[in-house]
Amino acid sequence: MWKLATASLSGINMDNTARIQLFPAGWFGAPDGGQRWFMGAELAQRLIDAAASRRNDYLFDYEHQSLNAPRASGPVPAAGWFSALTWVEGEGLFADVTWTARATALIQAGEYRYVSPTFRYDEQGNVRELVNAALTNMPVLDGMRQVAASLLFFDNGETPMNENLRLALCAIMGLDNKADENAILASIETLQKEQLKQANCSSIGALIEAHKSQLTAKEQAIQESQTKIAALSTPQSGAPDPEKFVPVAVVNELRTELASLSSQIQGDKVDTLLTAALSDGRVLKGADEENLRELGKSNFALMEKMIGSRQPIRALSQLQTDGINVDTRSGEDAPALDAQQLAICGQFGHTADDLFGEKK
């Protein structure tokens, strides 16, 4: 942030009172070795361009009274006006001034002899902006203050800051109520360089609004997160309980495996029953067997009932063996059945005699 200064730098040339030197070329400042500033051709050109772009003329007043205009109890008259600036290499920056009648008389009478520009400068001392100028009789540095939000905070050292304003600024900036004007201005400068710059805000009010917007956004985000958490934590009507239900994909997979297993078991039962029925002639190979097999796949109970109602046909045992000779001996000559054969006969309520004939 640039600082503001007023300095009485040159006297009025009585041979040409219309052309006034505002700044000398090179370094200049107070004779006591204090603050020094610099004016060169490049800096001067910036001031010349700024003057050319202005709609209003620059003011020449008396003793910088316009800087204290908000607190002035009476009129703050102008001494003159200027709009054009000229750089003279090796000499400095000049202004062509149109004086008021009163100022002309005072200058001609020798009542005002010096010129004091008000300007802003950077940390290196380079003059960056011309504010206005004044007629003065103090040919030395007569005041310097940092610029705050506006020139309302400028004090030339003659009039103290309003006490109510000072206390209000101390409260706003968080300073002790005994802080002086320099401390207040330093705090304002820090605010402008840091918090306001970082937030891209031009005033404390804008900074507060920006923080309020950020806070509101964070509160909304927190509220949304809490709502989502509550929705996930509270069982909804009709919603499945994770402890009682499994994903649909798992259920479908289990269903497929169960159907496959059931089909396998059903097929084994059908094969076992048909094998026994084929062996005793209740089922004939070919169409009869295939029809019963298809029936057993869809309705095993009905298939079992139909086969159970049939009587064994011993005369067809030769046909059921696919050309393998079957021992037809009966009675005492009948061969003994093994345990598996006896179990199959018992399943259908038959005995060995039913297969080989009764004993004679």
Protein backbone atom coordinates (compact mmCIF):
# COMPACT_ATOMS: atom_id res chain seq x y z
CA MET A 1 0.00 0.00 0.00
CA TRP A 2 1.32 3.43 -0.94
CA LYS A 3 1.87 6.10 1.69
CA LEU A 4 0.89 9.73 1.59
CA ALA A 5 3.19 12.72 2.10
CA THR A 6 3.18 16.50 1.78
CA ALA A 7 6.48 18.26 1.28
CA SER A 8 7.38 21.87 0.60
CA LEU A 9 9.94 21.36 -2.13
CA SER A 10 10.38 24.61 -4.06
CA GLY A 11 9.70 28.29 -4.10
CA ILE A 12 7.53 30.21 -6.56
CA ASN A 13 9.34 31.82 -9.47
CA MET A 14 8.07 35.40 -9.34
CA ASP A 15 9.01 35.88 -12.99
CA ASN A 16 6.68 33.08 -14.05
CA THR A 17 4.11 32.36 -11.38
CA ALA A 18 1.96 30.28 -13.78
CA ARG A 19 4.54 27.50 -14.13
CA ILE A 20 5.15 25.75 -10.83
CA GLN A 21 7.70 23.08 -10.10
CA LEU A 22 6.00 20.26 -8.17
CA PHE A 23 8.92 17.77 -7.94
CA PRO A 24 12.64 18.10 -8.60
CA ALA A 25 14.44 15.48 -10.68
CA GLY A 26 16.13 12.67 -8.73
CA TRP A 27 16.12 12.15 -4.99
CA PHE A 28 14.61 14.76 -2.68
CA GLY A 29 13.36 14.99 0.90
CA ALA A 30 13.65 16.65 4.27
CA PRO A 31 16.91 18.46 5.02
CA ASP A 32 17.32 16.60 8.30
CA GLY A 33 18.07 13.33 6.48
CA GLY A 34 14.70 11.70 7.15
CA GLN A 35 12.35 10.27 4.53
CA ARG A 36 13.52 10.69 0.94
CA TRP A 37 11.64 10.22 -2.35
CA PHE A 38 12.52 9.80 -5.99
CA MET A 39 11.17 11.29 -9.22
CA GLY A 40 12.45 10.25 -12.64
CA ALA A 41 11.31 10.44 -16.26
CA GLU A 42 9.46 7.11 -16.18
CA LEU A 43 7.62 7.93 -12.96
CA ALA A 44 6.84 11.39 -14.25
CA GLN A 45 5.33 9.98 -17.44
CA ARG A 46 2.92 7.91 -15.38
CA LEU A 47 1.76 11.04 -13.59
CA ILE A 48 1.46 12.89 -16.89
CA ASP A 49 -0.68 10.07 -18.36
CA ALA A 50 -2.87 9.98 -15.24
CA ALA A 51 -3.42 13.74 -15.46
CA ALA A 52 -4.39 13.48 -19.12
CA SER A 53 -7.02 10.84 -18.33
CA ARG A 54 -8.68 12.86 -15.53
CA ARG A 55 -11.96 14.68 -16.04
CA ASN A 56 -11.44 17.05 -13.10
CA ASP A 57 -8.56 19.47 -12.60
CA TYR A 58 -6.07 19.12 -9.79
CA LEU A 59 -6.56 21.46 -6.85
CA PHE A 60 -4.18 24.03 -5.41
CA ASP A 61 -5.35 25.02 -1.92
CA TYR A 62 -3.93 26.86 1.09
CA GLU A 63 -1.84 24.92 3.63
CA HIS A 64 -3.40 21.59 2.61
CA GLN A 65 -6.73 22.58 4.12
CA SER A 66 -8.58 20.26 1.74
CA LEU A 67 -7.05 17.25 3.49
CA ASN A 68 -8.91 18.26 6.64
CA ALA A 69 -12.05 19.39 4.80
CA PRO A 70 -14.35 16.82 6.50
CA ARG A 71 -13.48 18.35 9.87
CA ALA A 72 -13.23 21.96 8.78
CA SER A 73 -15.63 24.38 10.45
CA GLY A 74 -15.68 26.79 7.53
CA PRO A 75 -14.98 27.08 3.77
CA VAL A 76 -11.92 25.45 2.25
CA PRO A 77 -11.19 27.72 -0.72
CA ALA A 78 -9.12 26.85 -3.76
CA ALA A 79 -6.03 28.85 -4.62
CA GLY A 80 -5.79 27.59 -8.18
CA TRP A 81 -6.31 24.72 -10.63
CA PHE A 82 -4.17 22.73 -13.06
CA SER A 83 -4.57 19.77 -15.38
CA ALA A 84 -1.43 19.50 -17.52
CA LEU A 85 1.94 18.25 -16.28
CA THR A 86 5.31 18.62 -18.01
CA TRP A 87 8.59 16.79 -17.39
CA VAL A 88 11.79 18.77 -17.91
CA GLU A 89 14.80 16.49 -17.95
CA GLY A 90 17.33 17.40 -15.29
CA GLU A 91 14.91 19.81 -13.59
CA GLY A 92 11.72 17.98 -12.60
CA LEU A 93 7.94 17.84 -13.03
CA PHE A 94 6.06 21.12 -13.62
CA ALA A 95 2.39 22.17 -13.62
CA ASP A 96 0.80 25.10 -15.44
CA VAL A 97 -1.52 26.64 -12.84
CA THR A 98 -4.42 29.03 -13.21
CA TRP A 99 -4.51 31.00 -9.93
CA THR A 100 -7.54 32.61 -8.39
CA ALA A 101 -7.51 36.40 -8.01
CA ARG A 102 -7.03 36.09 -4.29
CA ALA A 103 -4.10 33.66 -4.63
CA THR A 104 -2.52 35.85 -7.31
CA ALA A 105 -2.65 38.85 -4.97
CA LEU A 106 -1.21 36.87 -2.07
CA ILE A 107 1.64 35.55 -4.22
CA GLN A 108 2.42 38.97 -5.66
CA ALA A 109 2.39 40.42 -2.15
CA GLY A 110 4.84 37.76 -1.01
CA GLU A 111 2.37 36.34 1.49
CA TYR A 112 2.85 32.84 0.03
CA ARG A 113 6.26 31.79 -1.23
CA TYR A 114 6.41 27.99 -1.42
CA VAL A 115 4.70 25.05 -3.13
CA SER A 116 3.91 21.76 -1.37
CA PRO A 117 2.56 18.79 -3.38
CA THR A 118 0.58 15.96 -1.77
CA PHE A 119 1.55 12.60 -3.24
CA ARG A 120 1.62 8.87 -2.64
CA TYR A 121 4.82 6.83 -2.76
CA ASP A 122 5.83 3.16 -2.51
CA GLU A 123 8.16 1.42 -0.07
CA GLN A 124 11.19 2.30 -2.21
CA GLY A 125 10.31 6.01 -2.09
CA ASN A 126 9.18 6.25 -5.73
CA VAL A 127 6.48 8.86 -6.30
CA ARG A 128 3.43 6.97 -7.63
CA GLU A 129 0.50 9.37 -7.55
CA LEU A 130 -0.16 13.11 -7.36
CA VAL A 131 -3.12 14.04 -5.13
CA ASN A 132 -3.06 17.84 -5.16
CA ALA A 133 -0.83 20.75 -4.14
CA ALA A 134 -0.90 23.71 -1.79
CA LEU A 135 0.53 27.14 -1.17
CA THR A 136 2.52 27.17 2.06
CA ASN A 137 5.17 29.13 3.89
CA MET A 138 6.92 26.07 5.38
CA PRO A 139 9.77 25.08 3.02
CA VAL A 140 10.41 21.75 4.81
CA LEU A 141 8.62 18.43 5.28
CA ASP A 142 5.48 19.37 7.18
CA GLY A 143 3.66 16.09 7.62
CA MET A 144 3.52 12.51 6.58
CA ARG A 145 0.94 9.79 7.28
CA GLN A 146 0.12 6.41 5.78
CA VAL A 147 -3.01 6.25 3.68
CA ALA A 148 -5.85 4.26 5.17
CA ALA A 149 -9.25 3.77 3.54
CA SER A 150 -9.35 7.39 2.43
CA LEU A 151 -7.88 10.83 3.09
CA LEU A 152 -10.29 11.17 6.01
CA PHE A 153 -7.64 9.49 8.15
CA PHE A 154 -4.89 11.88 7.08
CA ASP A 155 -3.61 14.19 9.79
CA ASN A 156 -1.08 16.89 9.19
CA GLY A 157 -0.08 16.94 12.85
CA GLU A 158 -1.88 20.18 13.70
CA THR A 159 -5.29 18.78 14.65
CA PRO A 160 -5.64 15.51 16.63
CA MET A 161 -7.98 12.81 15.41
CA ASN A 162 -11.52 13.02 16.73
CA GLU A 163 -11.61 11.02 19.98
CA ASN A 164 -14.83 9.17 19.16
CA LEU A 165 -13.41 8.23 15.77
CA ARG A 166 -10.16 7.04 17.38
CA LEU A 167 -12.01 4.84 19.89
CA ALA A 168 -14.24 3.44 17.15
CA LEU A 169 -11.24 2.56 15.01
CA CYS A 170 -9.52 0.93 17.99
CA ALA A 171 -12.58 -1.26 18.51
CA ILE A 172 -12.84 -2.16 14.82
CA MET A 173 -9.17 -3.04 14.52
CA GLY A 174 -9.03 -4.87 17.87
CA LEU A 175 -6.55 -2.44 19.39
CA ASP A 176 -6.20 -1.17 22.94
CA ASN A 177 -8.35 1.93 23.45
CA LYS A 178 -5.16 3.87 24.19
CA ALA A 179 -3.65 3.20 20.75
CA ASP A 180 -2.64 6.36 18.93
CA GLU A 181 -3.24 7.35 15.31
CA ASN A 182 -0.02 5.81 14.06
CA ALA A 183 -0.93 2.44 15.59
CA ILE A 184 -4.38 2.62 14.03
CA LEU A 185 -3.01 3.46 10.59
CA ALA A 186 -0.39 0.70 10.83
CA SER A 187 -3.12 -1.80 11.73
CA ILE A 188 -5.26 -0.66 8.79
CA GLU A 189 -2.28 -0.99 6.44
CA THR A 190 -1.68 -4.56 7.67
CA LEU A 191 -5.36 -5.35 7.16
CA GLN A 192 -5.22 -4.09 3.58
CA LYS A 193 -2.00 -5.94 2.73
CA GLU A 194 -2.99 -9.25 4.30
CA GLN A 195 -6.63 -10.15 5.06
CA LEU A 196 -8.29 -7.90 2.49
CA LYS A 197 -5.80 -8.81 -0.24
CA GLN A 198 -6.03 -12.54 0.45
CA ALA A 199 -9.84 -12.44 0.39
CA ASN A 200 -9.84 -10.15 -2.67
CA CYS A 201 -12.01 -7.65 -0.78
CA SER A 202 -11.86 -3.87 -0.87
CA SER A 203 -13.37 -3.15 2.54
CA ILE A 204 -13.96 -4.63 5.97
CA GLY A 205 -17.68 -4.94 5.18
CA ALA A 206 -16.95 -7.01 2.07
CA LEU A 207 -14.57 -9.18 4.10
CA ILE A 208 -17.27 -9.84 6.69
CA GLU A 209 -19.78 -10.77 3.98
CA ALA A 210 -17.25 -13.12 2.39
CA HIS A 211 -16.68 -14.86 5.72
CA LYS A 212 -20.44 -15.10 6.28
CA SER A 213 -20.90 -16.74 2.88
CA GLN A 214 -18.13 -19.23 3.58
CA LEU A 215 -19.64 -20.03 6.99
CA THR A 216 -23.10 -20.54 5.46
CA ALA A 217 -21.68 -22.89 2.84
CA LYS A 218 -19.87 -24.92 5.51
CA GLU A 219 -23.03 -25.10 7.65
CA GLN A 220 -25.03 -26.35 4.67
CA ALA A 221 -22.40 -28.99 3.92
CA ILE A 222 -22.45 -30.16 7.54
CA GLN A 223 -26.25 -30.29 7.54
CA GLU A 224 -26.29 -32.36 4.36
CA SER A 225 -23.72 -34.76 5.80
CA GLN A 226 -25.75 -35.15 9.02
CA THR A 227 -28.91 -35.84 7.01
CA LYS A 228 -27.17 -38.54 4.98
CA ILE A 229 -25.74 -40.15 8.12
CA ALA A 230 -29.17 -40.15 9.78
CA ALA A 231 -30.75 -41.71 6.69
CA LEU A 232 -28.16 -44.48 6.66
CA SER A 233 -28.40 -45.06 10.42
CA THR A 234 -32.22 -45.21 10.65
CA PRO A 235 -33.99 -48.25 9.05
CA GLN A 236 -36.51 -47.03 6.50
CA SER A 237 -40.01 -48.44 6.11
CA GLY A 238 -39.88 -51.43 3.80
CA ALA A 239 -36.10 -51.32 3.60
CA PRO A 240 -34.30 -54.68 4.03
CA ASP A 241 -32.41 -55.34 7.25
CA PRO A 242 -28.74 -56.01 6.31
CA GLU A 243 -28.57 -58.67 9.06
CA LYS A 244 -31.52 -60.61 7.62
CA PHE A 245 -31.08 -60.20 3.91
CA VAL A 246 -28.28 -60.83 1.45
CA PRO A 247 -27.60 -59.27 -1.96
CA VAL A 248 -29.82 -60.34 -4.84
CA ALA A 249 -26.84 -61.74 -6.76
CA VAL A 250 -26.02 -64.10 -3.91
CA VAL A 251 -29.64 -65.24 -3.65
CA ASN A 252 -29.81 -65.90 -7.39
CA GLU A 253 -26.58 -67.88 -7.26
CA LEU A 254 -27.90 -69.99 -4.38
CA ARG A 255 -31.14 -70.57 -6.25
CA THR A 256 -29.24 -71.81 -9.29
CA GLU A 257 -27.13 -74.15 -7.20
CA LEU A 258 -30.20 -75.45 -5.36
CA ALA A 259 -32.09 -76.03 -8.60
CA SER A 260 -29.11 -77.91 -10.01
CA LEU A 261 -28.79 -80.04 -6.89
CA SER A 262 -32.53 -80.75 -6.82
CA SER A 263 -32.46 -81.77 -10.46
CA GLN A 264 -29.52 -84.07 -9.80
CA ILE A 265 -31.27 -85.73 -6.84
CA GLN A 266 -34.48 -86.09 -8.82
CA GLY A 267 -32.56 -87.66 -11.70
CA ASP A 268 -30.87 -90.12 -9.37
CA LYS A 269 -34.23 -91.18 -7.91
CA VAL A 270 -35.71 -91.63 -11.38
CA ASP A 271 -32.73 -93.70 -12.54
CA THR A 272 -32.84 -95.92 -9.45
CA LEU A 273 -36.56 -96.62 -9.80
CA LEU A 274 -36.37 -97.28 -13.55
CA THR A 275 -33.39 -99.61 -13.10
CA ALA A 276 -35.37 -101.71 -10.63
CA ALA A 277 -38.54 -101.63 -12.77
CA LEU A 278 -36.65 -102.62 -15.91
CA SER A 279 -35.09 -105.55 -14.10
CA ASP A 280 -38.43 -107.14 -13.19
CA GLY A 281 -40.32 -106.39 -16.36
CA ARG A 282 -42.62 -103.67 -15.05
CA VAL A 283 -41.03 -101.21 -17.47
CA LEU A 284 -40.11 -102.03 -21.02
CA LYS A 285 -37.08 -100.60 -22.69
CA GLY A 286 -37.73 -98.03 -25.39
CA ALA A 287 -40.70 -95.68 -25.49
CA ASP A 288 -42.13 -96.93 -22.17
CA GLU A 289 -38.88 -96.21 -20.34
CA GLU A 290 -38.41 -92.74 -21.93
CA ASN A 291 -42.00 -91.67 -21.21
CA LEU A 292 -41.71 -92.69 -17.60
CA ARG A 293 -38.30 -90.97 -17.33
CA GLU A 294 -39.73 -87.65 -18.60
CA LEU A 295 -42.67 -88.00 -16.23
CA GLY A 296 -40.30 -88.63 -13.34
CA LYS A 297 -38.41 -85.40 -13.97
CA SER A 298 -41.56 -83.32 -13.50
CA ASN A 299 -43.66 -85.53 -11.20
CA PHE A 300 -41.73 -88.32 -9.50
CA ALA A 301 -44.62 -89.24 -7.21
CA LEU A 302 -46.91 -89.98 -10.16
CA MET A 303 -44.18 -91.99 -11.91
CA GLU A 304 -43.57 -94.00 -8.75
CA LYS A 305 -47.32 -94.67 -8.38
CA MET A 306 -47.68 -95.83 -11.98
CA ILE A 307 -44.71 -98.23 -11.76
CA GLY A 308 -45.87 -99.53 -8.38
CA SER A 309 -49.24 -100.49 -9.83
CA ARG A 310 -47.63 -102.75 -12.39
CA GLN A 311 -46.87 -106.47 -11.88
CA PRO A 312 -43.51 -107.96 -12.82
CA ILE A 313 -43.49 -109.94 -16.10
CA ARG A 314 -41.08 -112.85 -15.73
CA ALA A 315 -41.66 -113.98 -19.26
CA LEU A 316 -40.10 -110.75 -20.48
CA SER A 317 -36.97 -110.98 -18.36
CA GLN A 318 -35.01 -112.19 -21.37
CA LEU A 319 -35.99 -109.06 -23.27
CA GLN A 320 -34.92 -106.78 -20.39
CA THR A 321 -31.39 -108.11 -20.45
CA ASP A 322 -30.42 -106.84 -23.89
CA GLY A 323 -29.46 -110.38 -25.07
CA ILE A 324 -27.78 -111.50 -21.85
CA ASN A 325 -29.00 -114.96 -20.80
CA VAL A 326 -30.98 -114.88 -17.59
CA ASP A 327 -30.90 -117.88 -15.35
CA THR A 328 -34.52 -119.19 -15.27
CA ARG A 329 -34.02 -121.88 -12.76
CA SER A 330 -36.60 -121.99 -10.00
CA GLY A 331 -37.20 -123.68 -6.72
CA GLU A 332 -34.23 -125.35 -5.13
CA ASP A 333 -32.22 -124.91 -8.35
CA ALA A 334 -32.77 -121.13 -8.41
CA PRO A 335 -29.56 -119.13 -7.81
CA ALA A 336 -29.21 -117.18 -4.60
CA LEU A 337 -29.72 -113.36 -4.74
CA ASP A 338 -27.16 -111.01 -3.28
CA ALA A 339 -28.03 -108.36 -0.73
CA GLN A 340 -28.53 -105.55 -3.28
CA GLN A 341 -30.89 -107.71 -5.40
CA LEU A 342 -32.89 -108.69 -2.35
CA ALA A 343 -33.13 -104.98 -1.33
CA ILE A 344 -34.51 -104.03 -4.75
CA CYS A 345 -37.07 -106.83 -4.58
CA GLY A 346 -38.07 -105.80 -1.08
CA GLN A 347 -38.55 -102.16 -2.21
CA PHE A 348 -41.36 -103.31 -4.51
CA GLY A 349 -42.80 -106.01 -2.25
CA HIS A 350 -41.39 -109.02 -4.13
CA THR A 351 -39.36 -112.07 -3.17
CA ALA A 352 -36.82 -114.22 -4.96
CA ASP A 353 -39.58 -116.70 -5.78
CA ASP A 354 -41.35 -113.95 -7.70
CA LEU A 355 -38.34 -113.76 -9.98
CA PHE A 356 -37.46 -117.49 -10.30
CA GLY A 357 -40.67 -119.23 -9.44
CA GLU A 358 -41.87 -121.08 -6.32
CA LYS A 359 -40.15 -124.23 -5.04
CA LYS A 360 -41.63 -127.56 -6.25
